[in-house]
Amino acid sequence: MNGAPHLDELLPKIAEGDVAAFETLYDLYSSNAYALLLRMLGDPDDAREVLQETFLQIWNRASMFDRSRGSEIAWLLSIARSRAIDRLRSRKTRSTRENEAGREVSIRTSDVERPESLDNAILSEEKKAVRAALEELPEAQRIALELAYFDGLSQTEIAERLAQPLGTIKTRMQLGMKKLRARLGNTLDR
């Protein structure tokens, strides 16, 4: 073979679990994918994280590549683009959740006129209580909830990221939320 290997040579090997082929693929095409992700996301940290997710998906799904549907590089970049769109959507969802949570706290605290310093103290105590309650959860439940609420991932995305069945993730989240509600019920009902 003359020159650098092409994706059409690498993807079948990757589908068979060839780590060297995967490393070659990464070396050849990660900079192209990163440039696309950085342009779409505008944040180097997000771009690096989504790049990692992209190549993980390629490793897990190399056997799904269908040459009749397009070129190999187009397939690779379409995965990167799709993951970037997911990240943009999760940002929007997270922002919406944060805004709604802020409105809910605002509604609860506006029922009684209090000086701003008292409001800040109460919010600070509520944040501490939430952090403490999260730390008390079993690690698997805490991680699932943090990925959902702080990273904006759906349950399906969490299952994929953690390589766990969707039903397991749903159960962990339900149990974790139940424990949080029991622990924080009085704290947040002021």
N, C-alpha and C. Protein backbone atom coordinates (compact mmCIF):
# COMPACT_ATOMS: atom_id res chain seq x y z
N MET A 1 0.85 -1.18 0.00
CA MET A 1 0.00 0.00 0.00
C MET A 1 0.89 1.23 0.00
N ASN A 2 0.63 2.18 -0.88
CA ASN A 2 1.39 3.43 -0.96
C ASN A 2 0.67 4.51 -0.18
N GLY A 3 1.43 5.32 0.55
CA GLY A 3 0.85 6.45 1.26
C GLY A 3 0.11 6.02 2.51
N ALA A 4 -0.66 6.96 3.03
CA ALA A 4 -1.40 6.73 4.27
C ALA A 4 -2.59 5.81 4.01
N PRO A 5 -2.97 5.03 5.01
CA PRO A 5 -4.16 4.19 4.85
C PRO A 5 -5.41 5.04 4.76
N HIS A 6 -6.44 4.51 4.16
CA HIS A 6 -7.72 5.22 4.03
C HIS A 6 -8.74 4.57 4.94
N LEU A 7 -9.78 5.32 5.20
CA LEU A 7 -10.83 4.81 6.08
C LEU A 7 -11.40 3.49 5.59
N ASP A 8 -11.52 3.33 4.27
CA ASP A 8 -12.10 2.09 3.77
C ASP A 8 -11.23 0.89 4.13
N GLU A 9 -9.98 1.13 4.47
CA GLU A 9 -9.10 0.06 4.93
C GLU A 9 -9.14 -0.06 6.45
N LEU A 10 -9.40 1.03 7.13
CA LEU A 10 -9.34 1.05 8.59
C LEU A 10 -10.64 0.60 9.25
N LEU A 11 -11.77 1.03 8.73
CA LEU A 11 -13.05 0.73 9.37
C LEU A 11 -13.32 -0.76 9.52
N PRO A 12 -13.05 -1.58 8.51
CA PRO A 12 -13.26 -3.03 8.71
C PRO A 12 -12.37 -3.60 9.82
N LYS A 13 -11.15 -3.11 9.91
CA LYS A 13 -10.24 -3.58 10.96
C LYS A 13 -10.74 -3.11 12.33
N ILE A 14 -11.22 -1.88 12.39
CA ILE A 14 -11.74 -1.35 13.66
C ILE A 14 -12.96 -2.15 14.09
N ALA A 15 -13.81 -2.51 13.13
CA ALA A 15 -15.00 -3.32 13.43
C ALA A 15 -14.61 -4.66 14.05
N GLU A 16 -13.41 -5.14 13.71
CA GLU A 16 -12.92 -6.41 14.27
C GLU A 16 -12.15 -6.19 15.58
N GLY A 17 -12.06 -4.94 16.04
CA GLY A 17 -11.41 -4.65 17.31
C GLY A 17 -9.93 -4.35 17.20
N ASP A 18 -9.46 -3.96 16.04
CA ASP A 18 -8.04 -3.66 15.82
C ASP A 18 -7.71 -2.27 16.40
N VAL A 19 -7.02 -2.25 17.53
CA VAL A 19 -6.69 -1.01 18.23
C VAL A 19 -5.72 -0.17 17.40
N ALA A 20 -4.75 -0.80 16.74
CA ALA A 20 -3.78 -0.05 15.93
C ALA A 20 -4.49 0.68 14.79
N ALA A 21 -5.46 0.05 14.18
CA ALA A 21 -6.22 0.70 13.10
C ALA A 21 -6.99 1.90 13.66
N PHE A 22 -7.53 1.74 14.86
CA PHE A 22 -8.26 2.83 15.49
C PHE A 22 -7.32 4.00 15.79
N GLU A 23 -6.15 3.70 16.31
CA GLU A 23 -5.18 4.75 16.59
C GLU A 23 -4.76 5.48 15.31
N THR A 24 -4.59 4.73 14.24
CA THR A 24 -4.25 5.34 12.95
C THR A 24 -5.37 6.24 12.48
N LEU A 25 -6.60 5.76 12.59
CA LEU A 25 -7.76 6.56 12.21
C LEU A 25 -7.78 7.87 13.00
N TYR A 26 -7.55 7.76 14.31
CA TYR A 26 -7.55 8.96 15.16
C TYR A 26 -6.46 9.93 14.72
N ASP A 27 -5.27 9.42 14.50
CA ASP A 27 -4.15 10.27 14.09
C ASP A 27 -4.44 10.97 12.77
N LEU A 28 -5.07 10.27 11.85
CA LEU A 28 -5.32 10.83 10.52
C LEU A 28 -6.46 11.86 10.49
N TYR A 29 -7.51 11.62 11.27
CA TYR A 29 -8.73 12.40 11.07
C TYR A 29 -9.22 13.19 12.28
N SER A 30 -8.58 13.05 13.43
CA SER A 30 -9.07 13.76 14.61
C SER A 30 -8.97 15.27 14.45
N SER A 31 -7.94 15.77 13.79
CA SER A 31 -7.81 17.22 13.64
C SER A 31 -8.93 17.79 12.76
N ASN A 32 -9.33 17.05 11.72
CA ASN A 32 -10.46 17.50 10.87
C ASN A 32 -11.75 17.54 11.68
N ALA A 33 -11.97 16.48 12.45
CA ALA A 33 -13.20 16.41 13.25
C ALA A 33 -13.18 17.49 14.33
N TYR A 34 -12.03 17.69 14.96
CA TYR A 34 -11.93 18.72 16.01
C TYR A 34 -12.23 20.11 15.44
N ALA A 35 -11.70 20.40 14.26
CA ALA A 35 -11.94 21.71 13.64
C ALA A 35 -13.44 21.92 13.41
N LEU A 36 -14.12 20.90 12.93
CA LEU A 36 -15.57 20.99 12.73
C LEU A 36 -16.28 21.22 14.06
N LEU A 37 -15.91 20.44 15.06
CA LEU A 37 -16.57 20.55 16.37
C LEU A 37 -16.33 21.91 17.02
N LEU A 38 -15.11 22.40 16.91
CA LEU A 38 -14.80 23.70 17.49
C LEU A 38 -15.61 24.80 16.79
N ARG A 39 -15.74 24.69 15.49
CA ARG A 39 -16.52 25.68 14.74
C ARG A 39 -17.99 25.62 15.15
N MET A 40 -18.52 24.42 15.37
CA MET A 40 -19.93 24.29 15.73
C MET A 40 -20.20 24.67 17.18
N LEU A 41 -19.31 24.28 18.08
CA LEU A 41 -19.56 24.45 19.51
C LEU A 41 -18.97 25.73 20.09
N GLY A 42 -17.89 26.22 19.48
CA GLY A 42 -17.28 27.46 19.93
C GLY A 42 -16.57 27.37 21.27
N ASP A 43 -16.41 26.19 21.80
CA ASP A 43 -15.76 26.00 23.10
C ASP A 43 -14.76 24.85 22.98
N PRO A 44 -13.48 25.12 23.19
CA PRO A 44 -12.47 24.07 23.03
C PRO A 44 -12.69 22.86 23.95
N ASP A 45 -13.13 23.09 25.19
CA ASP A 45 -13.37 21.96 26.10
C ASP A 45 -14.50 21.08 25.60
N ASP A 46 -15.60 21.71 25.18
CA ASP A 46 -16.72 20.94 24.62
C ASP A 46 -16.28 20.21 23.36
N ALA A 47 -15.52 20.89 22.52
CA ALA A 47 -15.08 20.27 21.27
C ALA A 47 -14.23 19.04 21.55
N ARG A 48 -13.32 19.12 22.52
CA ARG A 48 -12.48 17.95 22.86
C ARG A 48 -13.33 16.81 23.42
N GLU A 49 -14.29 17.14 24.26
CA GLU A 49 -15.13 16.11 24.85
C GLU A 49 -15.99 15.42 23.78
N VAL A 50 -16.56 16.21 22.89
CA VAL A 50 -17.39 15.64 21.83
C VAL A 50 -16.52 14.86 20.85
N LEU A 51 -15.29 15.30 20.63
CA LEU A 51 -14.37 14.54 19.78
C LEU A 51 -14.16 13.14 20.37
N GLN A 52 -13.97 13.08 21.67
CA GLN A 52 -13.80 11.79 22.33
C GLN A 52 -15.06 10.93 22.16
N GLU A 53 -16.23 11.53 22.35
CA GLU A 53 -17.48 10.80 22.18
C GLU A 53 -17.62 10.29 20.75
N THR A 54 -17.20 11.12 19.78
CA THR A 54 -17.28 10.75 18.37
C THR A 54 -16.45 9.51 18.10
N PHE A 55 -15.21 9.52 18.55
CA PHE A 55 -14.35 8.37 18.27
C PHE A 55 -14.77 7.14 19.06
N LEU A 56 -15.35 7.33 20.22
CA LEU A 56 -15.90 6.20 20.95
C LEU A 56 -17.05 5.57 20.15
N GLN A 57 -17.89 6.41 19.59
CA GLN A 57 -19.00 5.91 18.78
C GLN A 57 -18.47 5.20 17.54
N ILE A 58 -17.43 5.73 16.93
CA ILE A 58 -16.84 5.07 15.75
C ILE A 58 -16.29 3.71 16.15
N TRP A 59 -15.60 3.63 17.28
CA TRP A 59 -15.07 2.35 17.76
C TRP A 59 -16.20 1.35 17.95
N ASN A 60 -17.29 1.79 18.57
CA ASN A 60 -18.41 0.89 18.88
C ASN A 60 -19.26 0.54 17.67
N ARG A 61 -19.24 1.39 16.64
CA ARG A 61 -20.18 1.19 15.52
C ARG A 61 -19.51 1.11 14.16
N ALA A 62 -18.23 0.82 14.12
CA ALA A 62 -17.52 0.75 12.83
C ALA A 62 -18.17 -0.26 11.90
N SER A 63 -18.73 -1.32 12.45
CA SER A 63 -19.36 -2.35 11.62
C SER A 63 -20.63 -1.84 10.94
N MET A 64 -21.17 -0.72 11.40
CA MET A 64 -22.42 -0.18 10.83
C MET A 64 -22.17 0.70 9.60
N PHE A 65 -20.90 0.99 9.33
CA PHE A 65 -20.61 1.83 8.17
C PHE A 65 -21.10 1.14 6.91
N ASP A 66 -21.82 1.90 6.09
CA ASP A 66 -22.35 1.40 4.83
C ASP A 66 -21.77 2.24 3.70
N ARG A 67 -20.82 1.67 2.99
CA ARG A 67 -20.11 2.37 1.91
C ARG A 67 -21.08 2.88 0.84
N SER A 68 -22.21 2.21 0.66
CA SER A 68 -23.16 2.62 -0.38
C SER A 68 -23.88 3.93 -0.04
N ARG A 69 -23.82 4.35 1.23
CA ARG A 69 -24.51 5.57 1.65
C ARG A 69 -23.61 6.79 1.65
N GLY A 70 -22.32 6.61 1.39
CA GLY A 70 -21.44 7.77 1.34
C GLY A 70 -20.01 7.38 1.66
N SER A 71 -19.15 8.39 1.60
CA SER A 71 -17.72 8.14 1.83
C SER A 71 -17.45 7.94 3.32
N GLU A 72 -16.29 7.39 3.58
CA GLU A 72 -15.90 7.10 4.95
C GLU A 72 -15.69 8.38 5.76
N ILE A 73 -15.02 9.35 5.17
CA ILE A 73 -14.78 10.60 5.89
C ILE A 73 -16.09 11.34 6.14
N ALA A 74 -17.01 11.27 5.19
CA ALA A 74 -18.32 11.89 5.39
C ALA A 74 -19.05 11.22 6.56
N TRP A 75 -18.92 9.90 6.67
CA TRP A 75 -19.54 9.17 7.77
C TRP A 75 -18.95 9.61 9.10
N LEU A 76 -17.63 9.68 9.17
CA LEU A 76 -16.95 10.11 10.38
C LEU A 76 -17.38 11.52 10.78
N LEU A 77 -17.38 12.44 9.82
CA LEU A 77 -17.75 13.82 10.13
C LEU A 77 -19.24 13.96 10.45
N SER A 78 -20.06 13.10 9.87
CA SER A 78 -21.50 13.17 10.20
C SER A 78 -21.73 12.72 11.64
N ILE A 79 -20.93 11.76 12.12
CA ILE A 79 -21.03 11.36 13.52
C ILE A 79 -20.62 12.52 14.42
N ALA A 80 -19.51 13.17 14.07
CA ALA A 80 -19.05 14.32 14.85
C ALA A 80 -20.11 15.42 14.86
N ARG A 81 -20.67 15.71 13.70
CA ARG A 81 -21.70 16.75 13.60
C ARG A 81 -22.92 16.39 14.45
N SER A 82 -23.34 15.15 14.39
CA SER A 82 -24.50 14.70 15.16
C SER A 82 -24.25 14.83 16.66
N ARG A 83 -23.06 14.45 17.10
CA ARG A 83 -22.72 14.58 18.52
C ARG A 83 -22.68 16.06 18.94
N ALA A 84 -22.19 16.93 18.05
CA ALA A 84 -22.16 18.36 18.35
C ALA A 84 -23.57 18.92 18.48
N ILE A 85 -24.44 18.50 17.60
CA ILE A 85 -25.85 18.95 17.67
C ILE A 85 -26.47 18.48 18.99
N ASP A 86 -26.17 17.23 19.38
CA ASP A 86 -26.66 16.73 20.67
C ASP A 86 -26.17 17.62 21.80
N ARG A 87 -24.89 18.01 21.74
CA ARG A 87 -24.33 18.85 22.80
C ARG A 87 -25.01 20.21 22.82
N LEU A 88 -25.24 20.79 21.64
CA LEU A 88 -25.91 22.09 21.58
C LEU A 88 -27.32 21.99 22.16
N ARG A 89 -28.01 20.91 21.84
CA ARG A 89 -29.36 20.71 22.39
C ARG A 89 -29.31 20.54 23.91
N SER A 90 -28.32 19.80 24.39
CA SER A 90 -28.23 19.60 25.84
C SER A 90 -27.90 20.91 26.54
N ARG A 91 -27.11 21.77 25.90
CA ARG A 91 -26.85 23.10 26.47
C ARG A 91 -28.15 23.87 26.63
N LYS A 92 -28.95 23.83 25.57
CA LYS A 92 -30.22 24.55 25.58
C LYS A 92 -31.15 23.98 26.65
N THR A 93 -31.20 22.66 26.75
CA THR A 93 -32.04 22.01 27.76
C THR A 93 -31.56 22.37 29.15
N ARG A 94 -30.25 22.31 29.37
CA ARG A 94 -29.69 22.63 30.68
C ARG A 94 -30.00 24.09 31.04
N SER A 95 -29.85 24.98 30.07
CA SER A 95 -30.13 26.39 30.31
C SER A 95 -31.59 26.60 30.67
N THR A 96 -32.48 25.90 29.97
CA THR A 96 -33.90 25.99 30.26
C THR A 96 -34.19 25.48 31.67
N ARG A 97 -33.58 24.33 32.03
CA ARG A 97 -33.78 23.78 33.38
C ARG A 97 -33.29 24.75 34.44
N GLU A 98 -32.11 25.33 34.21
CA GLU A 98 -31.56 26.27 35.18
C GLU A 98 -32.45 27.49 35.33
N ASN A 99 -32.97 28.00 34.21
CA ASN A 99 -33.87 29.15 34.27
C ASN A 99 -35.15 28.80 35.02
N GLU A 100 -35.71 27.60 34.73
CA GLU A 100 -36.93 27.19 35.41
C GLU A 100 -36.68 27.00 36.91
N ALA A 101 -35.54 26.40 37.24
CA ALA A 101 -35.20 26.21 38.66
C ALA A 101 -35.04 27.56 39.33
N GLY A 102 -34.42 28.50 38.65
CA GLY A 102 -34.26 29.84 39.20
C GLY A 102 -35.59 30.51 39.43
N ARG A 103 -36.53 30.36 38.48
CA ARG A 103 -37.86 30.94 38.65
C ARG A 103 -38.59 30.30 39.83
N GLU A 104 -38.45 28.96 39.97
CA GLU A 104 -39.11 28.27 41.07
C GLU A 104 -38.59 28.74 42.42
N VAL A 105 -37.29 28.85 42.54
CA VAL A 105 -36.70 29.35 43.79
C VAL A 105 -37.14 30.79 44.02
N SER A 106 -37.18 31.58 42.95
CA SER A 106 -37.59 32.97 43.06
C SER A 106 -39.03 33.08 43.54
N ILE A 107 -39.89 32.23 43.01
CA ILE A 107 -41.30 32.25 43.41
C ILE A 107 -41.42 31.87 44.88
N ARG A 108 -40.68 30.83 45.29
CA ARG A 108 -40.75 30.39 46.69
C ARG A 108 -40.25 31.46 47.64
N THR A 109 -39.19 32.14 47.27
CA THR A 109 -38.62 33.13 48.19
C THR A 109 -39.32 34.48 48.10
N SER A 110 -40.08 34.74 47.03
CA SER A 110 -40.72 36.04 46.91
C SER A 110 -42.05 36.10 47.67
N ASP A 111 -42.51 34.95 48.19
CA ASP A 111 -43.75 34.96 48.96
C ASP A 111 -43.63 35.83 50.21
N VAL A 112 -42.44 35.94 50.74
CA VAL A 112 -42.19 36.73 51.94
C VAL A 112 -41.13 37.76 51.60
N GLU A 113 -41.38 38.99 51.95
CA GLU A 113 -40.37 40.02 51.70
C GLU A 113 -39.21 39.82 52.65
N ARG A 114 -38.01 39.65 52.10
CA ARG A 114 -36.82 39.47 52.90
C ARG A 114 -35.72 40.33 52.32
N PRO A 115 -34.82 40.77 53.14
CA PRO A 115 -33.68 41.50 52.61
C PRO A 115 -32.88 40.61 51.67
N GLU A 116 -32.22 41.23 50.68
CA GLU A 116 -31.46 40.47 49.69
C GLU A 116 -30.40 39.60 50.34
N SER A 117 -29.74 40.07 51.37
CA SER A 117 -28.69 39.28 52.03
C SER A 117 -29.27 38.01 52.65
N LEU A 118 -30.50 38.09 53.16
CA LEU A 118 -31.15 36.90 53.71
C LEU A 118 -31.47 35.92 52.59
N ASP A 119 -31.97 36.42 51.45
CA ASP A 119 -32.24 35.56 50.30
C ASP A 119 -30.97 34.83 49.86
N ASN A 120 -29.87 35.57 49.77
CA ASN A 120 -28.61 34.96 49.36
C ASN A 120 -28.16 33.89 50.35
N ALA A 121 -28.33 34.15 51.61
CA ALA A 121 -27.95 33.18 52.64
C ALA A 121 -28.79 31.91 52.52
N ILE A 122 -30.10 32.09 52.28
CA ILE A 122 -30.99 30.93 52.14
C ILE A 122 -30.61 30.13 50.91
N LEU A 123 -30.38 30.80 49.78
CA LEU A 123 -29.99 30.09 48.56
C LEU A 123 -28.67 29.35 48.76
N SER A 124 -27.75 29.97 49.44
CA SER A 124 -26.46 29.33 49.71
C SER A 124 -26.66 28.06 50.55
N GLU A 125 -27.52 28.14 51.55
CA GLU A 125 -27.81 26.98 52.38
C GLU A 125 -28.50 25.88 51.58
N GLU A 126 -29.41 26.29 50.67
CA GLU A 126 -30.08 25.30 49.83
C GLU A 126 -29.09 24.59 48.92
N LYS A 127 -28.15 25.35 48.34
CA LYS A 127 -27.13 24.74 47.48
C LYS A 127 -26.28 23.75 48.27
N LYS A 128 -25.90 24.13 49.49
CA LYS A 128 -25.11 23.23 50.34
C LYS A 128 -25.90 21.96 50.64
N ALA A 129 -27.18 22.11 50.91
CA ALA A 129 -28.01 20.95 51.23
C ALA A 129 -28.12 20.02 50.03
N VAL A 130 -28.28 20.59 48.84
CA VAL A 130 -28.37 19.77 47.62
C VAL A 130 -27.05 19.04 47.39
N ARG A 131 -25.93 19.77 47.51
CA ARG A 131 -24.62 19.12 47.32
C ARG A 131 -24.42 17.99 48.32
N ALA A 132 -24.76 18.24 49.57
CA ALA A 132 -24.60 17.22 50.61
C ALA A 132 -25.49 16.01 50.33
N ALA A 133 -26.73 16.27 49.91
CA ALA A 133 -27.64 15.16 49.61
C ALA A 133 -27.15 14.34 48.43
N LEU A 134 -26.61 15.00 47.42
CA LEU A 134 -26.05 14.28 46.27
C LEU A 134 -24.89 13.40 46.69
N GLU A 135 -24.04 13.91 47.56
CA GLU A 135 -22.88 13.15 48.02
C GLU A 135 -23.29 11.91 48.82
N GLU A 136 -24.48 11.94 49.43
CA GLU A 136 -24.94 10.81 50.22
C GLU A 136 -25.50 9.68 49.36
N LEU A 137 -25.81 9.98 48.10
CA LEU A 137 -26.36 8.95 47.22
C LEU A 137 -25.29 7.93 46.86
N PRO A 138 -25.71 6.70 46.57
CA PRO A 138 -24.75 5.74 46.02
C PRO A 138 -24.15 6.33 44.73
N GLU A 139 -22.89 6.01 44.47
CA GLU A 139 -22.17 6.62 43.35
C GLU A 139 -22.90 6.46 42.02
N ALA A 140 -23.44 5.29 41.75
CA ALA A 140 -24.11 5.06 40.46
C ALA A 140 -25.32 5.98 40.29
N GLN A 141 -26.09 6.18 41.36
CA GLN A 141 -27.25 7.07 41.30
C GLN A 141 -26.81 8.51 41.15
N ARG A 142 -25.79 8.91 41.91
CA ARG A 142 -25.30 10.29 41.86
C ARG A 142 -24.78 10.62 40.46
N ILE A 143 -24.00 9.73 39.87
CA ILE A 143 -23.44 9.99 38.54
C ILE A 143 -24.56 10.14 37.51
N ALA A 144 -25.53 9.26 37.55
CA ALA A 144 -26.64 9.34 36.59
C ALA A 144 -27.38 10.67 36.72
N LEU A 145 -27.66 11.08 37.96
CA LEU A 145 -28.37 12.35 38.17
C LEU A 145 -27.52 13.55 37.75
N GLU A 146 -26.24 13.52 38.05
CA GLU A 146 -25.36 14.63 37.66
C GLU A 146 -25.28 14.74 36.13
N LEU A 147 -25.19 13.60 35.44
CA LEU A 147 -25.13 13.65 33.97
C LEU A 147 -26.43 14.21 33.39
N ALA A 148 -27.55 13.89 34.03
CA ALA A 148 -28.84 14.39 33.54
C ALA A 148 -29.00 15.87 33.82
N TYR A 149 -28.75 16.29 35.04
CA TYR A 149 -29.09 17.64 35.42
C TYR A 149 -27.98 18.65 35.22
N PHE A 150 -26.74 18.22 35.29
CA PHE A 150 -25.65 19.18 35.13
C PHE A 150 -25.06 19.14 33.72
N ASP A 151 -25.12 17.96 33.06
CA ASP A 151 -24.61 17.86 31.69
C ASP A 151 -25.73 17.89 30.66
N GLY A 152 -26.98 17.82 31.11
CA GLY A 152 -28.12 17.91 30.20
C GLY A 152 -28.32 16.69 29.32
N LEU A 153 -27.83 15.55 29.73
CA LEU A 153 -27.96 14.34 28.91
C LEU A 153 -29.32 13.68 29.16
N SER A 154 -29.84 13.06 28.12
CA SER A 154 -31.07 12.27 28.27
C SER A 154 -30.71 10.93 28.91
N GLN A 155 -31.71 10.20 29.34
CA GLN A 155 -31.46 8.89 29.93
C GLN A 155 -30.79 7.96 28.92
N THR A 156 -31.19 8.04 27.67
CA THR A 156 -30.58 7.22 26.62
C THR A 156 -29.11 7.58 26.45
N GLU A 157 -28.80 8.88 26.45
CA GLU A 157 -27.41 9.31 26.32
C GLU A 157 -26.57 8.87 27.52
N ILE A 158 -27.17 8.91 28.69
CA ILE A 158 -26.47 8.47 29.89
C ILE A 158 -26.18 6.97 29.80
N ALA A 159 -27.17 6.20 29.37
CA ALA A 159 -26.97 4.76 29.21
C ALA A 159 -25.83 4.47 28.23
N GLU A 160 -25.80 5.21 27.12
CA GLU A 160 -24.73 5.02 26.14
C GLU A 160 -23.38 5.40 26.74
N ARG A 161 -23.31 6.55 27.39
CA ARG A 161 -22.04 7.03 27.94
C ARG A 161 -21.49 6.07 28.99
N LEU A 162 -22.38 5.53 29.83
CA LEU A 162 -21.94 4.65 30.91
C LEU A 162 -21.93 3.18 30.51
N ALA A 163 -22.35 2.90 29.27
CA ALA A 163 -22.41 1.52 28.76
C ALA A 163 -23.25 0.64 29.69
N GLN A 164 -24.42 1.17 30.05
CA GLN A 164 -25.35 0.47 30.93
C GLN A 164 -26.71 0.37 30.22
N PRO A 165 -27.52 -0.64 30.56
CA PRO A 165 -28.86 -0.73 29.97
C PRO A 165 -29.71 0.48 30.36
N LEU A 166 -30.57 0.90 29.45
CA LEU A 166 -31.43 2.05 29.70
C LEU A 166 -32.29 1.84 30.95
N GLY A 167 -32.82 0.64 31.13
CA GLY A 167 -33.65 0.35 32.30
C GLY A 167 -32.89 0.54 33.61
N THR A 168 -31.63 0.18 33.61
CA THR A 168 -30.79 0.36 34.80
C THR A 168 -30.64 1.83 35.12
N ILE A 169 -30.40 2.63 34.09
CA ILE A 169 -30.24 4.08 34.29
C ILE A 169 -31.53 4.69 34.81
N LYS A 170 -32.67 4.30 34.24
CA LYS A 170 -33.96 4.82 34.69
C LYS A 170 -34.20 4.48 36.16
N THR A 171 -33.90 3.25 36.53
CA THR A 171 -34.09 2.82 37.93
C THR A 171 -33.18 3.62 38.86
N ARG A 172 -31.92 3.76 38.49
CA ARG A 172 -30.98 4.52 39.32
C ARG A 172 -31.46 5.95 39.52
N MET A 173 -31.93 6.56 38.44
CA MET A 173 -32.38 7.95 38.53
C MET A 173 -33.64 8.06 39.40
N GLN A 174 -34.58 7.12 39.24
CA GLN A 174 -35.79 7.16 40.06
C GLN A 174 -35.47 6.99 41.53
N LEU A 175 -34.61 6.02 41.85
CA LEU A 175 -34.24 5.80 43.25
C LEU A 175 -33.49 7.02 43.81
N GLY A 176 -32.58 7.56 43.02
CA GLY A 176 -31.83 8.74 43.45
C GLY A 176 -32.73 9.93 43.70
N MET A 177 -33.68 10.17 42.80
CA MET A 177 -34.61 11.30 42.97
C MET A 177 -35.49 11.10 44.20
N LYS A 178 -35.92 9.87 44.42
CA LYS A 178 -36.74 9.58 45.60
C LYS A 178 -35.97 9.89 46.88
N LYS A 179 -34.70 9.49 46.92
CA LYS A 179 -33.87 9.77 48.10
C LYS A 179 -33.63 11.27 48.25
N LEU A 180 -33.40 11.96 47.14
CA LEU A 180 -33.19 13.41 47.21
C LEU A 180 -34.44 14.12 47.72
N ARG A 181 -35.61 13.72 47.21
CA ARG A 181 -36.86 14.34 47.66
C ARG A 181 -37.07 14.13 49.16
N ALA A 182 -36.79 12.90 49.61
CA ALA A 182 -36.96 12.60 51.03
C ALA A 182 -35.98 13.43 51.87
N ARG A 183 -34.77 13.57 51.38
CA ARG A 183 -33.72 14.29 52.14
C ARG A 183 -33.93 15.80 52.08
N LEU A 184 -34.39 16.31 50.94
CA LEU A 184 -34.46 17.76 50.73
C LEU A 184 -35.87 18.34 50.85
N GLY A 185 -36.86 17.51 51.06
CA GLY A 185 -38.23 17.99 51.09
C GLY A 185 -38.43 19.21 51.96
N ASN A 186 -37.97 19.16 53.19
CA ASN A 186 -38.14 20.27 54.13
C ASN A 186 -37.23 21.45 53.78
N THR A 187 -36.07 21.16 53.26
CA THR A 187 -35.11 22.22 52.94
C THR A 187 -35.63 23.15 51.84
N LEU A 188 -36.25 22.56 50.81
CA LEU A 188 -36.68 23.36 49.68
C LEU A 188 -38.13 23.83 49.77
N ASP A 189 -38.84 23.46 50.80
CA ASP A 189 -40.26 23.86 50.93
C ASP A 189 -40.43 25.07 51.83
N ARG A 190 -39.48 25.97 51.84
CA ARG A 190 -39.59 27.18 52.68
C ARG A 190 -40.57 28.14 52.08
